[in-house]
Amino acid sequence: MVDPVASEPTAHDAQVDGVVTVDTSPFYRQVVEHDLAMLRGCDAMLMDMTIPYRTYVGCICEMIYAYLWNIPCVVYLGQIDPDRPWLRYHATAMFTARSEAVAYLARHFQRRLTAD
């Protein structure tokens, strides 16, 4: 299991004329490239989208990459409305409970092991 946030690059504060700024351009590039490199090495993705009223822009972007790279993305939504076109199109499977999502992934990997 990987957690990209655990090893993500950090922003470096810079002081210009007494004002602290953050050099965001290289920072954001580094974060996205880091996260995508980690995703590229994954066999599957488990995504938590349970927080109400959150857009999950980054998660949806990662889900699209996973879809394009044929990496299964299993999502648990809690009480969030699953009727979102981009979510339904790109997610491999969606569940209301985390335990159901994890069980689905366990079955997925068990099928892969027995197929090999």
N, C-alpha and C. Protein backbone atom coordinates (compact mmCIF):
# COMPACT_ATOMS: atom_id res chain seq x y z
N MET A 1 0.84 -1.18 0.00
CA MET A 1 0.00 0.00 0.00
C MET A 1 0.89 1.24 0.00
N VAL A 2 0.45 2.25 -0.72
CA VAL A 2 1.18 3.50 -0.77
C VAL A 2 0.27 4.65 -0.35
N ASP A 3 0.87 5.66 0.22
CA ASP A 3 0.19 6.90 0.57
C ASP A 3 1.06 8.02 0.04
N PRO A 4 0.68 8.61 -1.10
CA PRO A 4 1.54 9.64 -1.70
C PRO A 4 1.76 10.85 -0.80
N VAL A 5 0.82 11.14 0.07
CA VAL A 5 0.95 12.30 0.94
C VAL A 5 2.10 12.12 1.94
N ALA A 6 2.38 10.87 2.30
CA ALA A 6 3.43 10.60 3.27
C ALA A 6 4.82 11.00 2.78
N SER A 7 5.00 11.02 1.46
CA SER A 7 6.33 11.35 0.93
C SER A 7 6.31 12.47 -0.11
N GLU A 8 5.22 13.23 -0.14
CA GLU A 8 5.12 14.33 -1.11
C GLU A 8 6.16 15.42 -0.84
N PRO A 9 6.58 16.08 -1.92
CA PRO A 9 7.47 17.24 -1.75
C PRO A 9 6.77 18.32 -0.93
N THR A 10 7.56 19.19 -0.29
CA THR A 10 6.99 20.28 0.48
C THR A 10 7.35 21.61 -0.18
N ALA A 11 6.52 22.61 0.05
CA ALA A 11 6.77 23.95 -0.50
C ALA A 11 7.89 24.61 0.30
N HIS A 12 8.71 25.36 -0.39
CA HIS A 12 9.79 26.10 0.27
C HIS A 12 9.41 27.58 0.29
N ASP A 13 9.39 28.13 1.49
CA ASP A 13 9.08 29.55 1.61
C ASP A 13 10.26 30.38 1.11
N ALA A 14 9.95 31.44 0.41
CA ALA A 14 10.98 32.37 -0.06
C ALA A 14 10.58 33.77 0.37
N GLN A 15 11.57 34.57 0.75
CA GLN A 15 11.29 35.93 1.18
C GLN A 15 11.81 36.91 0.13
N VAL A 16 10.89 37.73 -0.39
CA VAL A 16 11.24 38.74 -1.39
C VAL A 16 10.76 40.09 -0.86
N ASP A 17 11.69 41.00 -0.68
CA ASP A 17 11.36 42.33 -0.17
C ASP A 17 10.57 42.26 1.14
N GLY A 18 10.95 41.33 2.02
CA GLY A 18 10.31 41.23 3.33
C GLY A 18 8.98 40.50 3.32
N VAL A 19 8.52 40.05 2.16
CA VAL A 19 7.24 39.34 2.07
C VAL A 19 7.53 37.85 1.84
N VAL A 20 6.91 37.02 2.65
CA VAL A 20 7.09 35.57 2.49
C VAL A 20 6.14 35.09 1.40
N THR A 21 6.70 34.46 0.38
CA THR A 21 5.90 33.90 -0.70
C THR A 21 6.22 32.42 -0.82
N VAL A 22 5.41 31.72 -1.54
CA VAL A 22 5.65 30.31 -1.80
C VAL A 22 5.85 30.14 -3.29
N ASP A 23 6.95 29.50 -3.67
CA ASP A 23 7.22 29.24 -5.07
C ASP A 23 6.33 28.07 -5.49
N THR A 24 5.13 28.38 -5.95
CA THR A 24 4.13 27.35 -6.17
C THR A 24 4.27 26.62 -7.51
N SER A 25 4.76 27.26 -8.53
CA SER A 25 4.81 26.61 -9.83
C SER A 25 5.61 25.32 -9.80
N PRO A 26 6.88 25.34 -9.41
CA PRO A 26 7.62 24.08 -9.34
C PRO A 26 7.06 23.13 -8.28
N PHE A 27 6.56 23.69 -7.19
CA PHE A 27 6.02 22.86 -6.11
C PHE A 27 4.85 22.02 -6.61
N TYR A 28 3.87 22.65 -7.24
CA TYR A 28 2.70 21.91 -7.72
C TYR A 28 3.09 20.87 -8.75
N ARG A 29 4.02 21.21 -9.62
CA ARG A 29 4.50 20.25 -10.62
C ARG A 29 5.12 19.04 -9.93
N GLN A 30 5.94 19.30 -8.91
CA GLN A 30 6.60 18.21 -8.19
C GLN A 30 5.58 17.31 -7.49
N VAL A 31 4.58 17.91 -6.87
CA VAL A 31 3.56 17.13 -6.16
C VAL A 31 2.81 16.24 -7.14
N VAL A 32 2.35 16.81 -8.25
CA VAL A 32 1.57 16.04 -9.22
C VAL A 32 2.43 14.93 -9.84
N GLU A 33 3.65 15.26 -10.24
CA GLU A 33 4.52 14.24 -10.83
C GLU A 33 4.86 13.13 -9.83
N HIS A 34 5.07 13.51 -8.58
CA HIS A 34 5.33 12.52 -7.53
C HIS A 34 4.13 11.58 -7.37
N ASP A 35 2.94 12.17 -7.23
CA ASP A 35 1.74 11.37 -7.02
C ASP A 35 1.47 10.45 -8.21
N LEU A 36 1.65 10.96 -9.43
CA LEU A 36 1.41 10.14 -10.62
C LEU A 36 2.43 9.02 -10.73
N ALA A 37 3.68 9.28 -10.36
CA ALA A 37 4.69 8.22 -10.38
C ALA A 37 4.32 7.11 -9.41
N MET A 38 3.82 7.48 -8.25
CA MET A 38 3.40 6.46 -7.28
C MET A 38 2.19 5.68 -7.81
N LEU A 39 1.23 6.40 -8.39
CA LEU A 39 0.04 5.75 -8.93
C LEU A 39 0.41 4.77 -10.04
N ARG A 40 1.34 5.16 -10.88
CA ARG A 40 1.75 4.33 -12.02
C ARG A 40 2.24 2.95 -11.57
N GLY A 41 2.80 2.87 -10.37
CA GLY A 41 3.30 1.61 -9.85
C GLY A 41 2.28 0.79 -9.07
N CYS A 42 1.05 1.26 -8.99
CA CYS A 42 0.03 0.58 -8.19
C CYS A 42 -0.72 -0.47 -9.02
N ASP A 43 -1.19 -1.50 -8.32
CA ASP A 43 -2.02 -2.53 -8.96
C ASP A 43 -3.50 -2.17 -8.90
N ALA A 44 -3.88 -1.30 -7.98
CA ALA A 44 -5.26 -0.86 -7.83
C ALA A 44 -5.27 0.40 -6.97
N MET A 45 -6.41 1.06 -6.97
CA MET A 45 -6.57 2.28 -6.18
C MET A 45 -7.85 2.18 -5.35
N LEU A 46 -7.73 2.52 -4.07
CA LEU A 46 -8.89 2.58 -3.17
C LEU A 46 -9.08 4.04 -2.82
N MET A 47 -10.23 4.59 -3.16
CA MET A 47 -10.46 6.02 -3.01
C MET A 47 -11.60 6.30 -2.03
N ASP A 48 -11.32 7.15 -1.04
CA ASP A 48 -12.32 7.60 -0.07
C ASP A 48 -12.88 8.93 -0.54
N MET A 49 -14.16 8.95 -0.86
CA MET A 49 -14.84 10.19 -1.27
C MET A 49 -16.07 10.41 -0.39
N THR A 50 -15.89 10.32 0.92
CA THR A 50 -17.02 10.35 1.85
C THR A 50 -17.34 11.71 2.44
N ILE A 51 -16.51 12.71 2.20
CA ILE A 51 -16.75 14.02 2.81
C ILE A 51 -17.79 14.79 2.00
N PRO A 52 -18.92 15.14 2.62
CA PRO A 52 -19.97 15.86 1.88
C PRO A 52 -19.49 17.23 1.37
N TYR A 53 -19.97 17.61 0.22
CA TYR A 53 -19.73 18.92 -0.40
C TYR A 53 -18.28 19.16 -0.81
N ARG A 54 -17.48 18.13 -0.84
CA ARG A 54 -16.10 18.26 -1.31
C ARG A 54 -16.06 17.89 -2.80
N THR A 55 -15.32 18.64 -3.58
CA THR A 55 -15.31 18.38 -5.02
C THR A 55 -14.39 17.24 -5.42
N TYR A 56 -13.34 16.98 -4.66
CA TYR A 56 -12.41 15.89 -4.94
C TYR A 56 -11.76 16.03 -6.31
N VAL A 57 -11.36 17.23 -6.66
CA VAL A 57 -10.75 17.49 -7.97
C VAL A 57 -9.51 16.61 -8.18
N GLY A 58 -8.60 16.61 -7.21
CA GLY A 58 -7.38 15.81 -7.34
C GLY A 58 -7.68 14.33 -7.45
N CYS A 59 -8.61 13.85 -6.65
CA CYS A 59 -8.98 12.43 -6.69
C CYS A 59 -9.54 12.05 -8.05
N ILE A 60 -10.41 12.89 -8.58
CA ILE A 60 -10.99 12.59 -9.89
C ILE A 60 -9.90 12.59 -10.96
N CYS A 61 -8.96 13.53 -10.88
CA CYS A 61 -7.85 13.54 -11.84
C CYS A 61 -7.05 12.25 -11.74
N GLU A 62 -6.73 11.81 -10.52
CA GLU A 62 -5.99 10.57 -10.34
C GLU A 62 -6.80 9.37 -10.85
N MET A 63 -8.10 9.41 -10.63
CA MET A 63 -8.96 8.33 -11.11
C MET A 63 -8.92 8.23 -12.63
N ILE A 64 -8.89 9.37 -13.30
CA ILE A 64 -8.85 9.37 -14.76
C ILE A 64 -7.52 8.78 -15.24
N TYR A 65 -6.42 9.16 -14.61
CA TYR A 65 -5.14 8.55 -14.97
C TYR A 65 -5.19 7.04 -14.74
N ALA A 66 -5.72 6.61 -13.60
CA ALA A 66 -5.83 5.18 -13.32
C ALA A 66 -6.64 4.49 -14.41
N TYR A 67 -7.72 5.10 -14.81
CA TYR A 67 -8.56 4.53 -15.87
C TYR A 67 -7.77 4.40 -17.17
N LEU A 68 -7.05 5.45 -17.55
CA LEU A 68 -6.27 5.44 -18.78
C LEU A 68 -5.14 4.41 -18.73
N TRP A 69 -4.61 4.15 -17.53
CA TRP A 69 -3.52 3.19 -17.36
C TRP A 69 -4.04 1.80 -16.99
N ASN A 70 -5.35 1.59 -17.05
CA ASN A 70 -5.96 0.29 -16.72
C ASN A 70 -5.67 -0.16 -15.29
N ILE A 71 -5.66 0.78 -14.37
CA ILE A 71 -5.50 0.48 -12.95
C ILE A 71 -6.90 0.58 -12.32
N PRO A 72 -7.42 -0.51 -11.77
CA PRO A 72 -8.76 -0.45 -11.18
C PRO A 72 -8.83 0.58 -10.06
N CYS A 73 -9.91 1.34 -10.05
CA CYS A 73 -10.15 2.34 -9.00
C CYS A 73 -11.48 2.04 -8.33
N VAL A 74 -11.41 1.64 -7.08
CA VAL A 74 -12.60 1.30 -6.30
C VAL A 74 -12.84 2.43 -5.31
N VAL A 75 -14.06 2.93 -5.29
CA VAL A 75 -14.40 4.12 -4.52
C VAL A 75 -15.44 3.78 -3.46
N TYR A 76 -15.24 4.32 -2.26
CA TYR A 76 -16.32 4.26 -1.29
C TYR A 76 -16.78 5.68 -1.01
N LEU A 77 -18.11 5.83 -1.00
CA LEU A 77 -18.73 7.15 -1.01
C LEU A 77 -19.47 7.52 0.26
N GLY A 78 -19.70 6.58 1.14
CA GLY A 78 -20.55 6.91 2.28
C GLY A 78 -21.93 7.28 1.77
N GLN A 79 -22.41 8.43 2.20
CA GLN A 79 -23.75 8.89 1.79
C GLN A 79 -23.72 9.84 0.59
N ILE A 80 -22.55 10.01 -0.03
CA ILE A 80 -22.41 10.91 -1.18
C ILE A 80 -23.17 10.34 -2.37
N ASP A 81 -23.80 11.21 -3.14
CA ASP A 81 -24.56 10.81 -4.33
C ASP A 81 -23.61 10.23 -5.39
N PRO A 82 -23.80 9.00 -5.80
CA PRO A 82 -22.92 8.39 -6.79
C PRO A 82 -23.26 8.78 -8.23
N ASP A 83 -24.33 9.51 -8.41
CA ASP A 83 -24.80 9.81 -9.77
C ASP A 83 -24.06 11.02 -10.34
N ARG A 84 -22.75 10.85 -10.55
CA ARG A 84 -21.90 11.87 -11.14
C ARG A 84 -21.27 11.25 -12.39
N PRO A 85 -21.52 11.79 -13.56
CA PRO A 85 -21.09 11.14 -14.80
C PRO A 85 -19.61 10.78 -14.85
N TRP A 86 -18.74 11.69 -14.48
CA TRP A 86 -17.30 11.40 -14.59
C TRP A 86 -16.88 10.34 -13.59
N LEU A 87 -17.50 10.32 -12.43
CA LEU A 87 -17.23 9.30 -11.42
C LEU A 87 -17.71 7.94 -11.90
N ARG A 88 -18.93 7.86 -12.36
CA ARG A 88 -19.50 6.58 -12.80
C ARG A 88 -18.76 6.02 -14.00
N TYR A 89 -18.30 6.87 -14.88
CA TYR A 89 -17.60 6.43 -16.08
C TYR A 89 -16.21 5.86 -15.75
N HIS A 90 -15.47 6.50 -14.84
CA HIS A 90 -14.08 6.15 -14.60
C HIS A 90 -13.85 5.18 -13.44
N ALA A 91 -14.77 5.12 -12.51
CA ALA A 91 -14.59 4.20 -11.37
C ALA A 91 -14.84 2.77 -11.80
N THR A 92 -14.05 1.87 -11.29
CA THR A 92 -14.24 0.45 -11.57
C THR A 92 -15.45 -0.07 -10.81
N ALA A 93 -15.59 0.38 -9.56
CA ALA A 93 -16.72 -0.02 -8.72
C ALA A 93 -16.89 1.04 -7.63
N MET A 94 -18.13 1.18 -7.14
CA MET A 94 -18.43 2.16 -6.09
C MET A 94 -19.25 1.49 -5.00
N PHE A 95 -18.96 1.87 -3.75
CA PHE A 95 -19.65 1.29 -2.61
C PHE A 95 -19.92 2.38 -1.58
N THR A 96 -20.90 2.15 -0.73
CA THR A 96 -21.18 3.11 0.33
C THR A 96 -20.26 2.89 1.53
N ALA A 97 -19.82 1.67 1.74
CA ALA A 97 -18.98 1.35 2.90
C ALA A 97 -17.57 0.97 2.49
N ARG A 98 -16.61 1.38 3.29
CA ARG A 98 -15.20 1.04 3.04
C ARG A 98 -15.00 -0.47 3.03
N SER A 99 -15.64 -1.15 3.96
CA SER A 99 -15.47 -2.61 4.05
C SER A 99 -15.90 -3.30 2.76
N GLU A 100 -16.96 -2.80 2.13
CA GLU A 100 -17.41 -3.39 0.85
C GLU A 100 -16.38 -3.14 -0.25
N ALA A 101 -15.79 -1.96 -0.27
CA ALA A 101 -14.78 -1.63 -1.27
C ALA A 101 -13.54 -2.49 -1.09
N VAL A 102 -13.12 -2.67 0.15
CA VAL A 102 -11.94 -3.49 0.44
C VAL A 102 -12.23 -4.95 0.07
N ALA A 103 -13.41 -5.44 0.37
CA ALA A 103 -13.78 -6.82 0.02
C ALA A 103 -13.77 -7.00 -1.51
N TYR A 104 -14.25 -6.01 -2.23
CA TYR A 104 -14.22 -6.07 -3.70
C TYR A 104 -12.78 -6.18 -4.21
N LEU A 105 -11.90 -5.35 -3.66
CA LEU A 105 -10.49 -5.41 -4.06
C LEU A 105 -9.87 -6.76 -3.70
N ALA A 106 -10.21 -7.30 -2.55
CA ALA A 106 -9.69 -8.61 -2.15
C ALA A 106 -10.10 -9.68 -3.16
N ARG A 107 -11.37 -9.64 -3.59
CA ARG A 107 -11.83 -10.60 -4.59
C ARG A 107 -11.12 -10.38 -5.92
N HIS A 108 -10.90 -9.12 -6.28
CA HIS A 108 -10.19 -8.78 -7.52
C HIS A 108 -8.79 -9.40 -7.53
N PHE A 109 -8.05 -9.21 -6.43
CA PHE A 109 -6.69 -9.73 -6.36
C PHE A 109 -6.68 -11.26 -6.26
N GLN A 110 -7.68 -11.83 -5.59
CA GLN A 110 -7.76 -13.29 -5.50
C GLN A 110 -7.97 -13.88 -6.88
N ARG A 111 -8.85 -13.26 -7.70
CA ARG A 111 -9.08 -13.74 -9.07
C ARG A 111 -7.80 -13.65 -9.89
N ARG A 112 -7.05 -12.56 -9.72
CA ARG A 112 -5.80 -12.39 -10.46
C ARG A 112 -4.78 -13.45 -10.06
N LEU A 113 -4.71 -13.75 -8.76
CA LEU A 113 -3.76 -14.76 -8.30
C LEU A 113 -4.09 -16.14 -8.83
N THR A 114 -5.37 -16.48 -8.84
CA THR A 114 -5.75 -17.80 -9.32
C THR A 114 -5.67 -17.91 -10.84
N ALA A 115 -5.76 -16.78 -11.54
CA ALA A 115 -5.64 -16.78 -13.00
C ALA A 115 -4.21 -16.98 -13.46
N ASP A 116 -3.26 -16.57 -12.62
CA ASP A 116 -1.83 -16.68 -12.99
C ASP A 116 -1.33 -18.03 -12.77
